């Protein structure tokens, strides 16, 4: 009788455990995750050469005129500078925050680019002030685009 009782107890525990495992499996059905559709971006690359220095600009503009990019300064016989750009496009002008490392510190500087034609950007310049921890243009209406730094379209390196 003890053997029959022990055997039936083992069977009940085994069945109970199996049912609980099935319930856990049924409860852990993977949920479908629906992601927002990706916005289309057009990646373009540009380069400015000033004497022996080279500046490379990578531009990604999406359908809603948000701008992302990278800026890489390769100075002749000096340390490189590399950072990211994030901003907005208004007509033919891009205003972007350039976040980069300089002397071991992260800094942010406002930059502006004017699209001259399909293959050229001009970098704007003007008086800069520090505001809220970033260097920004004091008066955007006084920014000059006289061609000191001209970026010409190049093939992007993958």
N, C-alpha and C. Protein backbone atom coordinates (compact mmCIF):
# COMPACT_ATOMS: atom_id res chain seq x y z
N UNK A 1 0.82 -1.19 0.00
CA UNK A 1 0.00 0.00 0.00
C UNK A 1 0.87 1.25 0.00
N UNK A 2 1.97 1.22 0.80
CA UNK A 2 2.86 2.37 0.83
C UNK A 2 3.45 2.62 -0.54
N UNK A 3 3.79 1.53 -1.27
CA UNK A 3 4.37 1.70 -2.59
C UNK A 3 3.35 2.31 -3.54
N UNK A 4 2.11 1.90 -3.49
CA UNK A 4 1.07 2.45 -4.35
C UNK A 4 0.85 3.92 -4.03
N UNK A 5 0.84 4.30 -2.75
CA UNK A 5 0.65 5.68 -2.33
C UNK A 5 1.83 6.54 -2.82
N UNK A 6 3.03 6.03 -2.62
CA UNK A 6 4.23 6.74 -3.05
C UNK A 6 4.24 6.90 -4.57
N UNK A 7 3.88 5.86 -5.30
CA UNK A 7 3.84 5.90 -6.76
C UNK A 7 2.80 6.91 -7.24
N UNK A 8 1.61 6.93 -6.63
CA UNK A 8 0.56 7.87 -7.06
C UNK A 8 0.96 9.31 -6.72
N UNK A 9 1.66 9.50 -5.61
CA UNK A 9 2.14 10.84 -5.26
C UNK A 9 3.15 11.33 -6.29
N UNK A 10 4.04 10.45 -6.70
CA UNK A 10 5.04 10.82 -7.71
C UNK A 10 4.35 11.18 -9.02
N UNK A 11 3.34 10.41 -9.42
CA UNK A 11 2.61 10.67 -10.66
C UNK A 11 1.90 12.03 -10.56
N UNK A 12 1.27 12.31 -9.43
CA UNK A 12 0.54 13.58 -9.27
C UNK A 12 1.50 14.76 -9.34
N UNK A 13 2.65 14.66 -8.67
CA UNK A 13 3.64 15.73 -8.69
C UNK A 13 4.17 15.93 -10.11
N UNK A 14 4.44 14.83 -10.81
CA UNK A 14 4.96 14.93 -12.17
C UNK A 14 3.93 15.59 -13.09
N UNK A 15 2.66 15.18 -13.00
CA UNK A 15 1.62 15.77 -13.83
C UNK A 15 1.40 17.24 -13.47
N UNK A 16 1.44 17.55 -12.21
CA UNK A 16 1.25 18.92 -11.75
C UNK A 16 2.37 19.82 -12.29
N UNK A 17 3.60 19.33 -12.22
CA UNK A 17 4.75 20.09 -12.73
C UNK A 17 4.64 20.27 -14.23
N UNK A 18 4.24 19.25 -14.95
CA UNK A 18 4.10 19.33 -16.40
C UNK A 18 3.03 20.34 -16.78
N UNK A 19 1.91 20.35 -16.04
CA UNK A 19 0.84 21.31 -16.33
C UNK A 19 1.31 22.74 -16.07
N UNK A 20 2.04 22.95 -14.98
CA UNK A 20 2.55 24.28 -14.67
C UNK A 20 3.52 24.75 -15.75
N UNK A 21 4.38 23.84 -16.25
CA UNK A 21 5.32 24.21 -17.30
C UNK A 21 4.57 24.60 -18.57
N UNK A 22 3.49 23.84 -18.90
CA UNK A 22 2.69 24.16 -20.08
C UNK A 22 2.02 25.52 -19.92
N UNK A 23 1.55 25.82 -18.69
CA UNK A 23 0.93 27.12 -18.45
C UNK A 23 1.96 28.23 -18.62
N UNK A 24 3.19 28.01 -18.13
CA UNK A 24 4.23 29.03 -18.28
C UNK A 24 4.57 29.24 -19.75
N UNK A 25 4.63 28.14 -20.50
CA UNK A 25 4.92 28.26 -21.92
C UNK A 25 3.80 29.00 -22.63
N UNK A 26 2.56 28.71 -22.25
CA UNK A 26 1.43 29.37 -22.87
C UNK A 26 1.40 30.85 -22.51
N UNK A 27 1.81 31.17 -21.29
CA UNK A 27 1.80 32.54 -20.84
C UNK A 27 2.96 33.34 -21.44
N UNK A 28 4.03 32.69 -21.83
CA UNK A 28 5.19 33.43 -22.34
C UNK A 28 5.24 33.43 -23.86
N UNK A 29 4.07 33.61 -24.48
CA UNK A 29 4.01 33.70 -25.93
C UNK A 29 4.68 35.02 -26.34
N UNK A 30 5.63 34.97 -27.23
CA UNK A 30 6.32 36.20 -27.61
C UNK A 30 5.36 37.21 -28.22
N UNK A 31 5.50 38.47 -27.82
CA UNK A 31 4.66 39.54 -28.33
C UNK A 31 5.32 40.12 -29.57
N UNK A 32 4.52 40.45 -30.55
CA UNK A 32 5.03 41.09 -31.75
C UNK A 32 5.33 42.54 -31.42
N UNK A 33 6.51 42.98 -31.79
CA UNK A 33 6.87 44.38 -31.58
C UNK A 33 6.80 45.09 -32.91
N UNK A 34 5.95 46.09 -32.97
CA UNK A 34 5.78 46.84 -34.19
C UNK A 34 6.61 48.12 -34.06
N UNK A 35 7.55 48.29 -34.95
CA UNK A 35 8.40 49.48 -34.94
C UNK A 35 7.83 50.52 -35.89
N UNK A 36 8.09 51.77 -35.57
CA UNK A 36 7.67 52.85 -36.45
C UNK A 36 8.45 52.73 -37.77
N UNK A 37 7.81 53.08 -38.86
CA UNK A 37 8.53 52.99 -40.13
C UNK A 37 9.74 53.92 -40.11
N UNK A 38 10.82 53.46 -40.71
CA UNK A 38 12.03 54.27 -40.77
C UNK A 38 11.83 55.41 -41.75
N UNK A 39 12.35 56.58 -41.38
CA UNK A 39 12.29 57.71 -42.28
C UNK A 39 13.42 57.58 -43.28
N UNK A 40 13.15 57.93 -44.49
CA UNK A 40 14.15 57.81 -45.55
C UNK A 40 15.24 58.86 -45.35
N UNK A 41 16.47 58.45 -45.45
CA UNK A 41 17.57 59.40 -45.38
C UNK A 41 18.42 59.28 -46.62
N UNK A 42 19.04 60.37 -46.96
CA UNK A 42 19.94 60.39 -48.10
C UNK A 42 21.32 60.77 -47.57
N UNK A 43 22.25 59.81 -47.57
CA UNK A 43 23.59 60.07 -47.07
C UNK A 43 24.44 60.64 -48.19
N UNK A 44 25.08 61.76 -47.88
CA UNK A 44 25.98 62.41 -48.82
C UNK A 44 27.26 62.78 -48.09
N UNK A 45 28.37 62.84 -48.82
CA UNK A 45 29.65 63.18 -48.24
C UNK A 45 30.28 64.34 -48.98
N UNK A 46 30.94 65.20 -48.22
CA UNK A 46 31.57 66.40 -48.77
C UNK A 46 32.95 66.55 -48.14
N UNK A 47 33.81 67.30 -48.83
CA UNK A 47 35.16 67.49 -48.31
C UNK A 47 35.64 68.90 -48.65
N UNK A 48 36.29 69.52 -47.64
CA UNK A 48 36.92 70.82 -47.84
C UNK A 48 38.41 70.64 -47.63
N UNK A 49 39.20 71.20 -48.55
CA UNK A 49 40.66 71.14 -48.41
C UNK A 49 41.15 72.57 -48.31
N UNK A 50 41.84 72.85 -47.19
CA UNK A 50 42.38 74.17 -46.95
C UNK A 50 43.88 74.01 -46.71
N UNK A 51 44.65 74.37 -47.71
CA UNK A 51 46.09 74.13 -47.73
C UNK A 51 46.35 72.64 -47.49
N UNK A 52 46.95 72.26 -46.34
CA UNK A 52 47.23 70.85 -46.09
C UNK A 52 46.24 70.21 -45.12
N UNK A 53 45.18 70.93 -44.78
CA UNK A 53 44.16 70.41 -43.87
C UNK A 53 42.96 69.91 -44.67
N UNK A 54 42.32 68.87 -44.17
CA UNK A 54 41.16 68.30 -44.84
C UNK A 54 40.02 68.16 -43.84
N UNK A 55 38.84 68.61 -44.23
CA UNK A 55 37.65 68.48 -43.40
C UNK A 55 36.63 67.66 -44.18
N UNK A 56 36.13 66.59 -43.56
CA UNK A 56 35.16 65.74 -44.22
C UNK A 56 33.82 65.86 -43.50
N UNK A 57 32.77 66.10 -44.26
CA UNK A 57 31.42 66.28 -43.75
C UNK A 57 30.54 65.17 -44.31
N UNK A 58 29.88 64.44 -43.42
CA UNK A 58 28.91 63.43 -43.83
C UNK A 58 27.53 63.94 -43.44
N UNK A 59 26.61 63.92 -44.38
CA UNK A 59 25.29 64.50 -44.20
C UNK A 59 24.22 63.43 -44.38
N UNK A 60 23.29 63.35 -43.42
CA UNK A 60 22.09 62.51 -43.53
C UNK A 60 20.89 63.41 -43.25
N UNK A 61 20.06 63.65 -44.26
CA UNK A 61 18.87 64.47 -44.08
C UNK A 61 17.66 63.57 -44.32
N UNK A 62 16.73 63.54 -43.35
CA UNK A 62 15.56 62.68 -43.54
C UNK A 62 14.39 63.47 -44.11
N UNK A 63 13.27 62.78 -44.30
CA UNK A 63 12.11 63.38 -44.97
C UNK A 63 11.52 64.56 -44.22
N UNK A 64 11.73 64.62 -42.91
CA UNK A 64 11.14 65.72 -42.15
C UNK A 64 12.19 66.79 -41.81
N UNK A 65 13.23 66.84 -42.64
CA UNK A 65 14.25 67.87 -42.58
C UNK A 65 15.04 67.92 -41.27
N UNK A 66 15.20 66.77 -40.65
CA UNK A 66 16.11 66.68 -39.53
C UNK A 66 17.46 66.27 -40.11
N UNK A 67 18.50 66.76 -39.50
CA UNK A 67 19.84 66.57 -40.02
C UNK A 67 20.71 65.84 -39.01
N UNK A 68 21.43 64.84 -39.48
CA UNK A 68 22.45 64.16 -38.68
C UNK A 68 23.70 64.09 -39.54
N UNK A 69 24.84 64.10 -38.90
CA UNK A 69 26.05 64.01 -39.68
C UNK A 69 27.28 63.85 -38.81
N UNK A 70 28.39 63.84 -39.47
CA UNK A 70 29.68 63.74 -38.80
C UNK A 70 30.62 64.74 -39.45
N UNK A 71 31.54 65.24 -38.64
CA UNK A 71 32.52 66.18 -39.13
C UNK A 71 33.88 65.72 -38.64
N UNK A 72 34.82 65.59 -39.57
CA UNK A 72 36.14 65.05 -39.26
C UNK A 72 37.20 66.04 -39.76
N UNK A 73 37.90 66.65 -38.80
CA UNK A 73 38.97 67.58 -39.14
C UNK A 73 40.29 66.82 -39.11
N UNK A 74 40.98 66.76 -40.23
CA UNK A 74 42.31 66.16 -40.31
C UNK A 74 43.30 67.29 -40.58
N UNK A 75 43.92 67.74 -39.51
CA UNK A 75 44.88 68.83 -39.63
C UNK A 75 46.26 68.28 -39.93
N UNK A 76 46.99 69.01 -40.73
CA UNK A 76 48.36 68.62 -41.07
C UNK A 76 49.24 68.80 -39.83
N UNK A 77 49.89 67.75 -39.42
CA UNK A 77 50.81 67.70 -38.28
C UNK A 77 50.18 68.20 -36.98
N UNK A 78 48.87 67.98 -36.81
CA UNK A 78 48.17 68.33 -35.57
C UNK A 78 47.20 67.20 -35.25
N UNK A 79 46.65 67.23 -34.03
CA UNK A 79 45.66 66.24 -33.63
C UNK A 79 44.39 66.37 -34.46
N UNK A 80 43.79 65.21 -34.73
CA UNK A 80 42.52 65.19 -35.45
C UNK A 80 41.40 65.62 -34.50
N UNK A 81 40.32 66.05 -35.07
CA UNK A 81 39.12 66.38 -34.32
C UNK A 81 37.96 65.71 -35.04
N UNK A 82 37.11 65.03 -34.28
CA UNK A 82 36.00 64.30 -34.87
C UNK A 82 34.78 64.46 -33.97
N UNK A 83 33.62 64.63 -34.57
CA UNK A 83 32.41 64.75 -33.77
C UNK A 83 31.17 64.54 -34.60
N UNK A 84 30.03 64.66 -33.93
CA UNK A 84 28.74 64.45 -34.58
C UNK A 84 27.99 65.76 -34.71
N UNK A 85 27.14 65.80 -35.70
CA UNK A 85 26.30 66.96 -35.97
C UNK A 85 24.84 66.56 -35.83
N UNK A 86 24.04 67.42 -35.25
CA UNK A 86 22.61 67.18 -35.12
C UNK A 86 21.91 68.52 -35.26
N UNK A 87 20.96 68.59 -36.18
CA UNK A 87 20.29 69.87 -36.38
C UNK A 87 19.09 69.78 -37.28
N UNK A 88 18.74 70.92 -37.86
CA UNK A 88 17.56 71.04 -38.71
C UNK A 88 17.92 71.76 -40.01
N UNK A 89 17.15 71.44 -41.04
CA UNK A 89 17.31 72.07 -42.34
C UNK A 89 16.17 73.06 -42.53
N UNK A 90 16.53 74.27 -42.90
CA UNK A 90 15.53 75.29 -43.21
C UNK A 90 15.85 75.83 -44.60
N UNK A 91 15.12 75.36 -45.60
CA UNK A 91 15.40 75.76 -46.97
C UNK A 91 16.74 75.22 -47.42
N UNK A 92 17.68 76.11 -47.70
CA UNK A 92 19.01 75.69 -48.16
C UNK A 92 20.06 75.80 -47.05
N UNK A 93 19.62 75.98 -45.80
CA UNK A 93 20.54 76.21 -44.68
C UNK A 93 20.38 75.14 -43.62
N UNK A 94 21.52 74.68 -43.11
CA UNK A 94 21.53 73.70 -42.02
C UNK A 94 22.14 74.36 -40.79
N UNK A 95 21.40 74.38 -39.69
CA UNK A 95 21.93 74.78 -38.40
C UNK A 95 22.10 73.51 -37.59
N UNK A 96 23.30 73.29 -37.07
CA UNK A 96 23.56 72.03 -36.37
C UNK A 96 24.46 72.27 -35.16
N UNK A 97 24.29 71.43 -34.15
CA UNK A 97 25.19 71.41 -33.00
C UNK A 97 26.26 70.37 -33.29
N UNK A 98 27.50 70.80 -33.19
CA UNK A 98 28.66 69.94 -33.40
C UNK A 98 29.19 69.55 -32.02
N UNK A 99 29.07 68.27 -31.68
CA UNK A 99 29.54 67.76 -30.39
C UNK A 99 30.84 67.00 -30.64
N UNK A 100 31.92 67.44 -29.96
CA UNK A 100 33.23 66.87 -30.24
C UNK A 100 34.08 66.85 -28.98
N UNK A 101 35.17 66.11 -29.05
CA UNK A 101 36.15 66.03 -27.96
C UNK A 101 37.29 66.99 -28.26
N UNK A 102 37.68 67.76 -27.26
CA UNK A 102 38.80 68.67 -27.42
C UNK A 102 39.57 68.70 -26.10
N UNK A 103 40.82 68.32 -26.15
CA UNK A 103 41.69 68.31 -24.98
C UNK A 103 41.05 67.55 -23.82
N UNK A 104 40.44 66.42 -24.13
CA UNK A 104 39.86 65.56 -23.11
C UNK A 104 38.50 65.99 -22.60
N UNK A 105 37.93 67.04 -23.15
CA UNK A 105 36.62 67.52 -22.72
C UNK A 105 35.66 67.51 -23.90
N UNK A 106 34.40 67.27 -23.60
CA UNK A 106 33.38 67.33 -24.63
C UNK A 106 32.90 68.77 -24.75
N UNK A 107 32.81 69.23 -25.97
CA UNK A 107 32.35 70.60 -26.22
C UNK A 107 31.27 70.57 -27.30
N UNK A 108 30.46 71.61 -27.32
CA UNK A 108 29.40 71.76 -28.32
C UNK A 108 29.52 73.14 -28.94
N UNK A 109 29.47 73.14 -30.28
CA UNK A 109 29.58 74.39 -31.02
C UNK A 109 28.52 74.40 -32.11
N UNK A 110 27.85 75.51 -32.27
CA UNK A 110 26.86 75.64 -33.33
C UNK A 110 27.58 75.90 -34.66
N UNK A 111 27.16 75.18 -35.68
CA UNK A 111 27.70 75.37 -37.03
C UNK A 111 26.54 75.63 -37.98
N UNK A 112 26.84 76.28 -39.08
CA UNK A 112 25.82 76.52 -40.10
C UNK A 112 26.44 76.27 -41.46
N UNK A 113 25.64 75.63 -42.33
CA UNK A 113 26.08 75.31 -43.69
C UNK A 113 25.00 75.79 -44.66
N UNK A 114 25.45 76.39 -45.76
CA UNK A 114 24.55 76.85 -46.81
C UNK A 114 24.78 75.99 -48.04
N UNK A 115 23.71 75.39 -48.54
CA UNK A 115 23.83 74.56 -49.75
C UNK A 115 23.83 75.50 -50.95
N UNK A 116 24.99 75.56 -51.60
CA UNK A 116 25.15 76.46 -52.74
C UNK A 116 24.52 75.88 -54.00
N UNK A 117 24.79 74.60 -54.25
CA UNK A 117 24.20 73.87 -55.37
C UNK A 117 24.17 72.39 -54.98
N UNK A 118 23.87 71.53 -55.92
CA UNK A 118 23.74 70.10 -55.60
C UNK A 118 25.04 69.48 -55.10
N UNK A 119 26.17 70.11 -55.38
CA UNK A 119 27.46 69.50 -55.03
C UNK A 119 28.30 70.30 -54.06
N UNK A 120 27.75 71.38 -53.49
CA UNK A 120 28.58 72.26 -52.68
C UNK A 120 27.85 72.80 -51.45
N UNK A 121 28.55 72.81 -50.31
CA UNK A 121 28.11 73.49 -49.10
C UNK A 121 29.15 74.53 -48.74
N UNK A 122 28.70 75.68 -48.23
CA UNK A 122 29.58 76.70 -47.70
C UNK A 122 29.37 76.73 -46.18
N UNK A 123 30.47 76.76 -45.43
CA UNK A 123 30.34 76.87 -43.98
C UNK A 123 30.26 78.35 -43.61
N UNK A 124 29.30 78.68 -42.78
CA UNK A 124 29.13 80.06 -42.35
C UNK A 124 29.94 80.37 -41.12
N UNK A 125 30.21 81.66 -40.94
CA UNK A 125 30.92 82.09 -39.74
C UNK A 125 30.37 83.44 -39.29
N UNK A 126 30.63 83.73 -38.04
CA UNK A 126 30.18 84.99 -37.46
C UNK A 126 30.63 85.04 -36.01
N UNK A 127 30.21 86.09 -35.33
CA UNK A 127 30.60 86.25 -33.93
C UNK A 127 29.95 85.14 -33.09
N UNK A 128 30.78 84.56 -32.22
CA UNK A 128 30.35 83.43 -31.39
C UNK A 128 30.36 83.86 -29.92
N UNK A 129 29.35 83.39 -29.18
CA UNK A 129 29.31 83.60 -27.73
C UNK A 129 28.99 82.27 -27.06
N UNK A 130 29.34 82.16 -25.79
CA UNK A 130 28.98 80.95 -25.05
C UNK A 130 27.62 81.18 -24.39
N UNK A 131 26.73 80.24 -24.62
CA UNK A 131 25.40 80.31 -24.03
C UNK A 131 24.93 78.91 -23.69
N UNK A 132 24.52 78.71 -22.47
CA UNK A 132 24.04 77.41 -21.98
C UNK A 132 25.04 76.29 -22.24
N UNK A 133 26.32 76.55 -22.05
CA UNK A 133 27.33 75.51 -22.19
C UNK A 133 27.74 75.18 -23.61
N UNK A 134 27.30 75.98 -24.58
CA UNK A 134 27.74 75.73 -25.96
C UNK A 134 28.11 77.05 -26.61
N UNK A 135 28.98 76.95 -27.59
CA UNK A 135 29.36 78.11 -28.38
C UNK A 135 28.32 78.27 -29.49
N UNK A 136 27.72 79.45 -29.58
CA UNK A 136 26.64 79.68 -30.54
C UNK A 136 26.82 81.03 -31.22
N UNK A 137 26.18 81.18 -32.36
CA UNK A 137 26.24 82.45 -33.07
C UNK A 137 25.49 83.52 -32.27
N UNK A 138 26.13 84.66 -32.14
CA UNK A 138 25.52 85.77 -31.38
C UNK A 138 24.31 86.32 -32.12
N UNK A 139 24.46 86.52 -33.44
CA UNK A 139 23.38 87.08 -34.25
C UNK A 139 23.34 86.32 -35.58
N UNK A 140 22.36 85.45 -35.72
CA UNK A 140 22.27 84.60 -36.92
C UNK A 140 22.09 85.41 -38.21
N UNK A 141 21.55 86.61 -38.10
CA UNK A 141 21.36 87.43 -39.30
C UNK A 141 22.68 87.99 -39.84
N UNK A 142 23.75 87.91 -39.05
CA UNK A 142 25.05 88.44 -39.48
C UNK A 142 26.04 87.34 -39.88
N UNK A 143 25.55 86.12 -40.06
CA UNK A 143 26.43 85.03 -40.50
C UNK A 143 26.84 85.27 -41.94
N UNK A 144 28.12 85.05 -42.21
CA UNK A 144 28.65 85.25 -43.56
C UNK A 144 29.00 83.91 -44.21
N UNK A 145 28.71 83.83 -45.50
CA UNK A 145 29.02 82.64 -46.30
C UNK A 145 29.86 83.10 -47.49
N UNK A 146 31.08 83.51 -47.25
CA UNK A 146 31.88 84.06 -48.34
C UNK A 146 32.85 83.07 -48.96
N UNK A 147 32.70 81.79 -48.64
CA UNK A 147 33.50 80.78 -49.32
C UNK A 147 34.84 80.50 -48.69
N UNK A 148 35.04 80.87 -47.43
CA UNK A 148 36.30 80.53 -46.76
C UNK A 148 36.45 79.02 -46.61
N UNK A 149 35.36 78.34 -46.28
CA UNK A 149 35.38 76.88 -46.17
C UNK A 149 34.31 76.33 -47.11
N UNK A 150 34.75 75.71 -48.20
CA UNK A 150 33.86 75.18 -49.24
C UNK A 150 33.96 73.66 -49.23
N UNK A 151 32.81 73.01 -49.06
CA UNK A 151 32.75 71.54 -49.07
C UNK A 151 32.23 71.10 -50.43
N UNK A 152 33.02 70.28 -51.13
CA UNK A 152 32.60 69.74 -52.42
C UNK A 152 32.22 68.26 -52.24
N UNK A 153 31.21 67.86 -52.99
CA UNK A 153 30.70 66.48 -52.89
C UNK A 153 31.75 65.48 -53.32
N UNK A 154 31.85 64.39 -52.54
CA UNK A 154 32.76 63.28 -52.84
C UNK A 154 31.98 61.97 -52.68
N UNK A 155 32.56 60.88 -53.12
CA UNK A 155 31.96 59.57 -52.88
C UNK A 155 32.15 59.21 -51.41
N UNK A 156 31.08 58.70 -50.79
CA UNK A 156 31.16 58.28 -49.39
C UNK A 156 31.96 56.99 -49.26
N UNK A 157 32.78 56.93 -48.23
CA UNK A 157 33.53 55.70 -47.94
C UNK A 157 32.67 54.85 -47.03
N UNK A 158 32.51 53.61 -47.36
CA UNK A 158 31.68 52.71 -46.54
C UNK A 158 32.46 52.07 -45.45
